[in-house]
Amino acid sequence: MAEHTNAAECATVIGNDVVIKGEITVEKGLRVDGQIEGAVTTKGRVHVGKTGLLSAEVHGGSVVIEGKVKGNIVASDRVTLEATSNMAGDLTAPR
């Protein structure tokens, strides 16, 4: 079961009707329910919701995937793949 995400962990939310092409850098964390093509960088948490679709290189503190990710992920803490996740790419994380 997915951990509940509080506002402090994911201060920025990309809604399910949003499509972004390019690079995104946020300080505290990011929740993605829409689509991102490009790159995502944060020291905080990246949470890809069930409707989220990332075609991106992801660099984050921790990464939780419930939706789809196509690209490489580098996490300084951990990567969590939920039962609904679909991942294509390389994962790099200490746990």
PDB file of N, CA and C in Angstrom:
ATOM      1  N   MET A   1       0.841  -1.181   0.000  1.00  0.00           N
ATOM      2  CA  MET A   1       0.000   0.000   0.000  1.00  0.00           C
ATOM      3  C   MET A   1       0.884   1.241   0.000  1.00  0.00           C
ATOM      4  N   ALA A   2       0.500   2.221  -0.773  1.00  0.00           N
ATOM      5  CA  ALA A   2       1.292   3.444  -0.888  1.00  0.00           C
ATOM      6  C   ALA A   2       1.245   4.245   0.401  1.00  0.00           C
ATOM      7  N   GLU A   3       2.376   4.858   0.717  1.00  0.00           N
ATOM      8  CA  GLU A   3       2.424   5.736   1.870  1.00  0.00           C
ATOM      9  C   GLU A   3       1.655   7.004   1.524  1.00  0.00           C
ATOM     10  N   HIS A   4       1.003   7.583   2.521  1.00  0.00           N
ATOM     11  CA  HIS A   4       0.297   8.832   2.267  1.00  0.00           C
ATOM     12  C   HIS A   4       1.322   9.952   2.134  1.00  0.00           C
ATOM     13  N   THR A   5       1.112  10.805   1.172  1.00  0.00           N
ATOM     14  CA  THR A   5       2.026  11.896   0.898  1.00  0.00           C
ATOM     15  C   THR A   5       1.480  13.162   1.526  1.00  0.00           C
ATOM     16  N   ASN A   6       2.265  13.786   2.402  1.00  0.00           N
ATOM     17  CA  ASN A   6       1.786  15.040   2.971  1.00  0.00           C
ATOM     18  C   ASN A   6       2.330  16.222   2.181  1.00  0.00           C
ATOM     19  N   ALA A   7       1.762  17.381   2.425  1.00  0.00           N
ATOM     20  CA  ALA A   7       2.103  18.564   1.637  1.00  0.00           C
ATOM     21  C   ALA A   7       3.568  18.963   1.785  1.00  0.00           C
ATOM     22  N   ALA A   8       4.182  18.708   2.931  1.00  0.00           N
ATOM     23  CA  ALA A   8       5.573  19.082   3.134  1.00  0.00           C
ATOM     24  C   ALA A   8       6.507  18.252   2.259  1.00  0.00           C
ATOM     25  N   GLU A   9       6.150  16.992   1.991  1.00  0.00           N
ATOM     26  CA  GLU A   9       6.998  16.133   1.182  1.00  0.00           C
ATOM     27  C   GLU A   9       6.891  16.461  -0.301  1.00  0.00           C
ATOM     28  N   CYS A  10       5.723  16.863  -0.759  1.00  0.00           N
ATOM     29  CA  CYS A  10       5.491  17.176  -2.165  1.00  0.00           C
ATOM     30  C   CYS A  10       4.798  18.528  -2.270  1.00  0.00           C
ATOM     31  N   ALA A  11       5.593  19.578  -2.145  1.00  0.00           N
ATOM     32  CA  ALA A  11       5.046  20.930  -2.149  1.00  0.00           C
ATOM     33  C   ALA A  11       4.507  21.332  -3.522  1.00  0.00           C
ATOM     34  N   THR A  12       4.982  20.691  -4.588  1.00  0.00           N
ATOM     35  CA  THR A  12       4.548  21.001  -5.950  1.00  0.00           C
ATOM     36  C   THR A  12       3.755  19.831  -6.496  1.00  0.00           C
ATOM     37  N   VAL A  13       2.580  20.114  -7.071  1.00  0.00           N
ATOM     38  CA  VAL A  13       1.727  19.061  -7.621  1.00  0.00           C
ATOM     39  C   VAL A  13       1.449  19.362  -9.086  1.00  0.00           C
ATOM     40  N   ILE A  14       1.700  18.383  -9.943  1.00  0.00           N
ATOM     41  CA  ILE A  14       1.377  18.469 -11.365  1.00  0.00           C
ATOM     42  C   ILE A  14       0.075  17.694 -11.551  1.00  0.00           C
ATOM     43  N   GLY A  15      -1.021  18.389 -11.830  1.00  0.00           N
ATOM     44  CA  GLY A  15      -2.335  17.781 -11.939  1.00  0.00           C
ATOM     45  C   GLY A  15      -2.474  16.861 -13.142  1.00  0.00           C
ATOM     46  N   ASN A  16      -3.521  16.043 -13.146  1.00  0.00           N
ATOM     47  CA  ASN A  16      -3.679  15.034 -14.193  1.00  0.00           C
ATOM     48  C   ASN A  16      -4.029  15.618 -15.556  1.00  0.00           C
ATOM     49  N   ASP A  17      -4.329  16.905 -15.645  1.00  0.00           N
ATOM     50  CA  ASP A  17      -4.603  17.524 -16.938  1.00  0.00           C
ATOM     51  C   ASP A  17      -3.431  18.368 -17.447  1.00  0.00           C
ATOM     52  N   VAL A  18      -2.254  18.231 -16.822  1.00  0.00           N
ATOM     53  CA  VAL A  18      -1.080  19.034 -17.166  1.00  0.00           C
ATOM     54  C   VAL A  18      -0.056  18.190 -17.921  1.00  0.00           C
ATOM     55  N   VAL A  19       0.496  18.762 -19.007  1.00  0.00           N
ATOM     56  CA  VAL A  19       1.580  18.142 -19.756  1.00  0.00           C
ATOM     57  C   VAL A  19       2.733  19.135 -19.784  1.00  0.00           C
ATOM     58  N   ILE A  20       3.904  18.703 -19.312  1.00  0.00           N
ATOM     59  CA  ILE A  20       5.087  19.568 -19.276  1.00  0.00           C
ATOM     60  C   ILE A  20       6.193  18.908 -20.089  1.00  0.00           C
ATOM     61  N   LYS A  21       6.820  19.704 -20.971  1.00  0.00           N
ATOM     62  CA  LYS A  21       7.967  19.237 -21.745  1.00  0.00           C
ATOM     63  C   LYS A  21       9.146  20.130 -21.385  1.00  0.00           C
ATOM     64  N   GLY A  22      10.201  19.518 -20.831  1.00  0.00           N
ATOM     65  CA  GLY A  22      11.373  20.285 -20.432  1.00  0.00           C
ATOM     66  C   GLY A  22      11.921  19.793 -19.111  1.00  0.00           C
ATOM     67  N   GLU A  23      12.699  20.645 -18.453  1.00  0.00           N
ATOM     68  CA  GLU A  23      13.345  20.290 -17.196  1.00  0.00           C
ATOM     69  C   GLU A  23      12.617  20.955 -16.031  1.00  0.00           C
ATOM     70  N   ILE A  24      12.403  20.187 -14.971  1.00  0.00           N
ATOM     71  CA  ILE A  24      11.764  20.705 -13.769  1.00  0.00           C
ATOM     72  C   ILE A  24      12.717  20.498 -12.596  1.00  0.00           C
ATOM     73  N   THR A  25      12.957  21.556 -11.839  1.00  0.00           N
ATOM     74  CA  THR A  25      13.757  21.474 -10.621  1.00  0.00           C
ATOM     75  C   THR A  25      12.934  22.076  -9.495  1.00  0.00           C
ATOM     76  N   VAL A  26      12.718  21.293  -8.438  1.00  0.00           N
ATOM     77  CA  VAL A  26      11.993  21.775  -7.265  1.00  0.00           C
ATOM     78  C   VAL A  26      12.810  21.457  -6.021  1.00  0.00           C
ATOM     79  N   GLU A  27      12.631  22.253  -4.992  1.00  0.00           N
ATOM     80  CA  GLU A  27      13.424  22.087  -3.772  1.00  0.00           C
ATOM     81  C   GLU A  27      12.867  20.998  -2.860  1.00  0.00           C
ATOM     82  N   LYS A  28      11.577  21.067  -2.535  1.00  0.00           N
ATOM     83  CA  LYS A  28      11.029  20.213  -1.486  1.00  0.00           C
ATOM     84  C   LYS A  28      10.474  18.887  -1.961  1.00  0.00           C
ATOM     85  N   GLY A  29       9.947  18.807  -3.137  1.00  0.00           N
ATOM     86  CA  GLY A  29       9.366  17.561  -3.598  1.00  0.00           C
ATOM     87  C   GLY A  29       8.300  17.812  -4.638  1.00  0.00           C
ATOM     88  N   LEU A  30       7.883  16.743  -5.300  1.00  0.00           N
ATOM     89  CA  LEU A  30       6.986  16.860  -6.440  1.00  0.00           C
ATOM     90  C   LEU A  30       6.064  15.656  -6.509  1.00  0.00           C
ATOM     91  N   ARG A  31       4.773  15.916  -6.706  1.00  0.00           N
ATOM     92  CA  ARG A  31       3.820  14.850  -6.990  1.00  0.00           C
ATOM     93  C   ARG A  31       3.350  15.045  -8.424  1.00  0.00           C
ATOM     94  N   VAL A  32       3.386  13.962  -9.199  1.00  0.00           N
ATOM     95  CA  VAL A  32       3.016  14.025 -10.605  1.00  0.00           C
ATOM     96  C   VAL A  32       1.798  13.144 -10.843  1.00  0.00           C
ATOM     97  N   ASP A  33       0.685  13.779 -11.209  1.00  0.00           N
ATOM     98  CA  ASP A  33      -0.503  13.052 -11.627  1.00  0.00           C
ATOM     99  C   ASP A  33      -0.753  13.273 -13.120  1.00  0.00           C
ATOM    100  N   GLY A  34       0.003  14.185 -13.737  1.00  0.00           N
ATOM    101  CA  GLY A  34      -0.096  14.465 -15.165  1.00  0.00           C
ATOM    102  C   GLY A  34       1.068  13.844 -15.910  1.00  0.00           C
ATOM    103  N   GLN A  35       1.586  14.555 -16.932  1.00  0.00           N
ATOM    104  CA  GLN A  35       2.670  14.029 -17.760  1.00  0.00           C
ATOM    105  C   GLN A  35       3.857  14.981 -17.769  1.00  0.00           C
ATOM    106  N   ILE A  36       5.059  14.397 -17.718  1.00  0.00           N
ATOM    107  CA  ILE A  36       6.290  15.170 -17.846  1.00  0.00           C
ATOM    108  C   ILE A  36       7.193  14.453 -18.833  1.00  0.00           C
ATOM    109  N   GLU A  37       7.706  15.212 -19.809  1.00  0.00           N
ATOM    110  CA  GLU A  37       8.709  14.703 -20.742  1.00  0.00           C
ATOM    111  C   GLU A  37       9.941  15.566 -20.572  1.00  0.00           C
ATOM    112  N   GLY A  38      11.075  14.952 -20.203  1.00  0.00           N
ATOM    113  CA  GLY A  38      12.296  15.725 -20.020  1.00  0.00           C
ATOM    114  C   GLY A  38      13.106  15.244 -18.841  1.00  0.00           C
ATOM    115  N   ALA A  39      13.211  16.086 -17.807  1.00  0.00           N
ATOM    116  CA  ALA A  39      14.015  15.747 -16.631  1.00  0.00           C
ATOM    117  C   ALA A  39      13.381  16.339 -15.378  1.00  0.00           C
ATOM    118  N   VAL A  40      13.484  15.597 -14.272  1.00  0.00           N
ATOM    119  CA  VAL A  40      12.971  16.035 -12.974  1.00  0.00           C
ATOM    120  C   VAL A  40      14.098  15.933 -11.965  1.00  0.00           C
ATOM    121  N   THR A  41      14.331  17.028 -11.227  1.00  0.00           N
ATOM    122  CA  THR A  41      15.383  17.044 -10.211  1.00  0.00           C
ATOM    123  C   THR A  41      14.837  17.660  -8.932  1.00  0.00           C
ATOM    124  N   THR A  42      15.049  16.971  -7.807  1.00  0.00           N
ATOM    125  CA  THR A  42      14.678  17.503  -6.497  1.00  0.00           C
ATOM    126  C   THR A  42      15.503  16.816  -5.423  1.00  0.00           C
ATOM    127  N   LYS A  43      15.746  17.521  -4.319  1.00  0.00           N
ATOM    128  CA  LYS A  43      16.383  16.904  -3.162  1.00  0.00           C
ATOM    129  C   LYS A  43      15.359  16.140  -2.344  1.00  0.00           C
ATOM    130  N   GLY A  44      14.099  16.446  -2.564  1.00  0.00           N
ATOM    131  CA  GLY A  44      13.007  15.839  -1.808  1.00  0.00           C
ATOM    132  C   GLY A  44      12.471  14.589  -2.487  1.00  0.00           C
ATOM    133  N   ARG A  45      11.164  14.431  -2.368  1.00  0.00           N
ATOM    134  CA  ARG A  45      10.486  13.225  -2.836  1.00  0.00           C
ATOM    135  C   ARG A  45       9.807  13.458  -4.182  1.00  0.00           C
ATOM    136  N   VAL A  46       9.892  12.462  -5.054  1.00  0.00           N
ATOM    137  CA  VAL A  46       9.130  12.453  -6.297  1.00  0.00           C
ATOM    138  C   VAL A  46       8.092  11.351  -6.156  1.00  0.00           C
ATOM    139  N   HIS A  47       6.816  11.716  -6.265  1.00  0.00           N
ATOM    140  CA  HIS A  47       5.732  10.743  -6.149  1.00  0.00           C
ATOM    141  C   HIS A  47       4.953  10.759  -7.468  1.00  0.00           C
ATOM    142  N   VAL A  48       4.994   9.646  -8.183  1.00  0.00           N
ATOM    143  CA  VAL A  48       4.251   9.520  -9.432  1.00  0.00           C
ATOM    144  C   VAL A  48       2.944   8.815  -9.105  1.00  0.00           C
ATOM    145  N   GLY A  49       1.836   9.556  -9.174  1.00  0.00           N
ATOM    146  CA  GLY A  49       0.524   9.000  -8.868  1.00  0.00           C
ATOM    147  C   GLY A  49       0.063   8.008  -9.927  1.00  0.00           C
ATOM    148  N   LYS A  50      -1.064   7.366  -9.681  1.00  0.00           N
ATOM    149  CA  LYS A  50      -1.579   6.335 -10.593  1.00  0.00           C
ATOM    150  C   LYS A  50      -1.836   6.854 -11.994  1.00  0.00           C
ATOM    151  N   THR A  51      -2.193   8.128 -12.129  1.00  0.00           N
ATOM    152  CA  THR A  51      -2.438   8.703 -13.455  1.00  0.00           C
ATOM    153  C   THR A  51      -1.197   9.388 -14.020  1.00  0.00           C
ATOM    154  N   GLY A  52      -0.097   9.372 -13.275  1.00  0.00           N
ATOM    155  CA  GLY A  52       1.130  10.038 -13.691  1.00  0.00           C
ATOM    156  C   GLY A  52       1.880   9.271 -14.768  1.00  0.00           C
ATOM    157  N   LEU A  53       2.505  10.027 -15.688  1.00  0.00           N
ATOM    158  CA  LEU A  53       3.311   9.452 -16.761  1.00  0.00           C
ATOM    159  C   LEU A  53       4.564  10.303 -16.919  1.00  0.00           C
ATOM    160  N   LEU A  54       5.717   9.699 -16.637  1.00  0.00           N
ATOM    161  CA  LEU A  54       6.987  10.392 -16.790  1.00  0.00           C
ATOM    162  C   LEU A  54       7.779   9.732 -17.900  1.00  0.00           C
ATOM    163  N   SER A  55       8.167  10.508 -18.891  1.00  0.00           N
ATOM    164  CA  SER A  55       9.154  10.099 -19.880  1.00  0.00           C
ATOM    165  C   SER A  55      10.332  11.001 -19.585  1.00  0.00           C
ATOM    166  N   ALA A  56      11.076  10.644 -18.545  1.00  0.00           N
ATOM    167  CA  ALA A  56      12.054  11.588 -18.008  1.00  0.00           C
ATOM    168  C   ALA A  56      13.164  10.888 -17.241  1.00  0.00           C
ATOM    169  N   GLU A  57      14.278  11.596 -17.116  1.00  0.00           N
ATOM    170  CA  GLU A  57      15.343  11.220 -16.205  1.00  0.00           C
ATOM    171  C   GLU A  57      14.971  11.833 -14.861  1.00  0.00           C
ATOM    172  N   VAL A  58      14.990  11.031 -13.808  1.00  0.00           N
ATOM    173  CA  VAL A  58      14.545  11.494 -12.496  1.00  0.00           C
ATOM    174  C   VAL A  58      15.701  11.406 -11.503  1.00  0.00           C
ATOM    175  N   HIS A  59      15.963  12.506 -10.808  1.00  0.00           N
ATOM    176  CA  HIS A  59      16.961  12.561  -9.738  1.00  0.00           C
ATOM    177  C   HIS A  59      16.245  13.105  -8.512  1.00  0.00           C
ATOM    178  N   GLY A  60      16.147  12.293  -7.462  1.00  0.00           N
ATOM    179  CA  GLY A  60      15.435  12.726  -6.268  1.00  0.00           C
ATOM    180  C   GLY A  60      15.987  12.107  -5.013  1.00  0.00           C
ATOM    181  N   GLY A  61      15.492  12.590  -3.883  1.00  0.00           N
ATOM    182  CA  GLY A  61      15.862  12.011  -2.597  1.00  0.00           C
ATOM    183  C   GLY A  61      15.253  10.631  -2.457  1.00  0.00           C
ATOM    184  N   SER A  62      13.925  10.561  -2.608  1.00  0.00           N
ATOM    185  CA  SER A  62      13.224   9.285  -2.645  1.00  0.00           C
ATOM    186  C   SER A  62      12.196   9.360  -3.771  1.00  0.00           C
ATOM    187  N   VAL A  63      11.870   8.200  -4.329  1.00  0.00           N
ATOM    188  CA  VAL A  63      10.942   8.145  -5.455  1.00  0.00           C
ATOM    189  C   VAL A  63       9.910   7.064  -5.179  1.00  0.00           C
ATOM    190  N   VAL A  64       8.635   7.415  -5.320  1.00  0.00           N
ATOM    191  CA  VAL A  64       7.536   6.465  -5.179  1.00  0.00           C
ATOM    192  C   VAL A  64       6.794   6.448  -6.510  1.00  0.00           C
ATOM    193  N   ILE A  65       6.612   5.250  -7.072  1.00  0.00           N
ATOM    194  CA  ILE A  65       5.956   5.136  -8.373  1.00  0.00           C
ATOM    195  C   ILE A  65       4.693   4.301  -8.246  1.00  0.00           C
ATOM    196  N   GLU A  66       3.570   4.920  -8.605  1.00  0.00           N
ATOM    197  CA  GLU A  66       2.294   4.222  -8.717  1.00  0.00           C
ATOM    198  C   GLU A  66       1.852   4.181 -10.178  1.00  0.00           C
ATOM    199  N   GLY A  67       2.328   5.119 -10.984  1.00  0.00           N
ATOM    200  CA  GLY A  67       1.954   5.225 -12.389  1.00  0.00           C
ATOM    201  C   GLY A  67       3.034   4.675 -13.295  1.00  0.00           C
ATOM    202  N   LYS A  68       3.299   5.382 -14.426  1.00  0.00           N
ATOM    203  CA  LYS A  68       4.243   4.905 -15.441  1.00  0.00           C
ATOM    204  C   LYS A  68       5.455   5.821 -15.526  1.00  0.00           C
ATOM    205  N   VAL A  69       6.636   5.196 -15.597  1.00  0.00           N
ATOM    206  CA  VAL A  69       7.879   5.939 -15.771  1.00  0.00           C
ATOM    207  C   VAL A  69       8.698   5.258 -16.854  1.00  0.00           C
ATOM    208  N   LYS A  70       9.121   6.060 -17.831  1.00  0.00           N
ATOM    209  CA  LYS A  70      10.026   5.576 -18.879  1.00  0.00           C
ATOM    210  C   LYS A  70      11.255   6.470 -18.816  1.00  0.00           C
ATOM    211  N   GLY A  71      12.339   5.939 -18.273  1.00  0.00           N
ATOM    212  CA  GLY A  71      13.559   6.713 -18.085  1.00  0.00           C
ATOM    213  C   GLY A  71      14.308   6.214 -16.870  1.00  0.00           C
ATOM    214  N   ASN A  72      15.489   6.720 -16.680  1.00  0.00           N
ATOM    215  CA  ASN A  72      16.333   6.291 -15.567  1.00  0.00           C
ATOM    216  C   ASN A  72      16.012   7.087 -14.306  1.00  0.00           C
ATOM    217  N   ILE A  73      16.127   6.396 -13.160  1.00  0.00           N
ATOM    218  CA  ILE A  73      15.863   7.022 -11.869  1.00  0.00           C
ATOM    219  C   ILE A  73      17.093   6.871 -10.988  1.00  0.00           C
ATOM    220  N   VAL A  74      17.518   7.992 -10.403  1.00  0.00           N
ATOM    221  CA  VAL A  74      18.601   7.992  -9.422  1.00  0.00           C
ATOM    222  C   VAL A  74      18.044   8.616  -8.148  1.00  0.00           C
ATOM    223  N   ALA A  75      18.042   7.838  -7.056  1.00  0.00           N
ATOM    224  CA  ALA A  75      17.530   8.330  -5.772  1.00  0.00           C
ATOM    225  C   ALA A  75      18.645   8.259  -4.732  1.00  0.00           C
ATOM    226  N   SER A  76      18.763   9.307  -3.919  1.00  0.00           N
ATOM    227  CA  SER A  76      19.778   9.302  -2.866  1.00  0.00           C
ATOM    228  C   SER A  76      19.333   8.481  -1.659  1.00  0.00           C
ATOM    229  N   ASP A  77      18.026   8.201  -1.534  1.00  0.00           N
ATOM    230  CA  ASP A  77      17.514   7.421  -0.419  1.00  0.00           C
ATOM    231  C   ASP A  77      16.945   6.084  -0.885  1.00  0.00           C
ATOM    232  N   ARG A  78      15.746   6.099  -1.498  1.00  0.00           N
ATOM    233  CA  ARG A  78      15.101   4.848  -1.896  1.00  0.00           C
ATOM    234  C   ARG A  78      14.156   5.049  -3.061  1.00  0.00           C
ATOM    235  N   VAL A  79      13.836   3.923  -3.732  1.00  0.00           N
ATOM    236  CA  VAL A  79      12.813   3.886  -4.772  1.00  0.00           C
ATOM    237  C   VAL A  79      11.789   2.843  -4.350  1.00  0.00           C
ATOM    238  N   THR A  80      10.502   3.222  -4.383  1.00  0.00           N
ATOM    239  CA  THR A  80       9.419   2.310  -4.042  1.00  0.00           C
ATOM    240  C   THR A  80       8.546   2.117  -5.270  1.00  0.00           C
ATOM    241  N   LEU A  81       8.392   0.862  -5.704  1.00  0.00           N
ATOM    242  CA  LEU A  81       7.522   0.527  -6.827  1.00  0.00           C
ATOM    243  C   LEU A  81       6.261  -0.116  -6.277  1.00  0.00           C
ATOM    244  N   GLU A  82       5.137   0.549  -6.467  1.00  0.00           N
ATOM    245  CA  GLU A  82       3.859   0.016  -6.003  1.00  0.00           C
ATOM    246  C   GLU A  82       3.324  -0.999  -7.016  1.00  0.00           C
ATOM    247  N   ALA A  83       2.283  -1.734  -6.629  1.00  0.00           N
ATOM    248  CA  ALA A  83       1.721  -2.783  -7.481  1.00  0.00           C
ATOM    249  C   ALA A  83       1.205  -2.234  -8.808  1.00  0.00           C
ATOM    250  N   THR A  84       0.765  -0.976  -8.839  1.00  0.00           N
ATOM    251  CA  THR A  84       0.219  -0.391 -10.060  1.00  0.00           C
ATOM    252  C   THR A  84       1.289   0.248 -10.945  1.00  0.00           C
ATOM    253  N   SER A  85       2.554   0.192 -10.529  1.00  0.00           N
ATOM    254  CA  SER A  85       3.625   0.871 -11.270  1.00  0.00           C
ATOM    255  C   SER A  85       4.006   0.123 -12.544  1.00  0.00           C
ATOM    256  N   ASN A  86       4.513   0.904 -13.501  1.00  0.00           N
ATOM    257  CA  ASN A  86       5.040   0.376 -14.753  1.00  0.00           C
ATOM    258  C   ASN A  86       6.308   1.153 -15.013  1.00  0.00           C
ATOM    259  N   MET A  87       7.465   0.492 -14.945  1.00  0.00           N
ATOM    260  CA  MET A  87       8.759   1.166 -15.005  1.00  0.00           C
ATOM    261  C   MET A  87       9.602   0.569 -16.105  1.00  0.00           C
ATOM    262  N   ALA A  88      10.194   1.411 -16.954  1.00  0.00           N
ATOM    263  CA  ALA A  88      11.140   0.979 -17.986  1.00  0.00           C
ATOM    264  C   ALA A  88      12.361   1.895 -17.892  1.00  0.00           C
ATOM    265  N   GLY A  89      13.470   1.358 -17.440  1.00  0.00           N
ATOM    266  CA  GLY A  89      14.693   2.147 -17.277  1.00  0.00           C
ATOM    267  C   GLY A  89      15.539   1.575 -16.163  1.00  0.00           C
ATOM    268  N   ASP A  90      16.623   2.249 -15.853  1.00  0.00           N
ATOM    269  CA  ASP A  90      17.538   1.819 -14.797  1.00  0.00           C
ATOM    270  C   ASP A  90      17.201   2.531 -13.497  1.00  0.00           C
ATOM    271  N   LEU A  91      17.288   1.777 -12.394  1.00  0.00           N
ATOM    272  CA  LEU A  91      17.075   2.318 -11.046  1.00  0.00           C
ATOM    273  C   LEU A  91      18.398   2.298 -10.299  1.00  0.00           C
ATOM    274  N   THR A  92      18.723   3.407  -9.660  1.00  0.00           N
ATOM    275  CA  THR A  92      19.915   3.480  -8.827  1.00  0.00           C
ATOM    276  C   THR A  92      19.502   4.086  -7.486  1.00  0.00           C
ATOM    277  N   ALA A  93      19.655   3.306  -6.410  1.00  0.00           N
ATOM    278  CA  ALA A  93      19.311   3.775  -5.072  1.00  0.00           C
ATOM    279  C   ALA A  93      19.978   2.859  -4.048  1.00  0.00           C
ATOM    280  N   PRO A  94      20.330   3.410  -2.878  1.00  0.00           N
ATOM    281  CA  PRO A  94      20.943   2.570  -1.851  1.00  0.00           C
ATOM    282  C   PRO A  94      19.963   1.552  -1.263  1.00  0.00           C
ATOM    283  N   ARG A  95      18.648   1.809  -1.337  1.00  0.00           N
ATOM    284  CA  ARG A  95      17.659   0.846  -0.856  1.00  0.00           C
ATOM    285  C   ARG A  95      16.350   1.008  -1.590  1.00  0.00           C
TER     286      ARG A  95
END
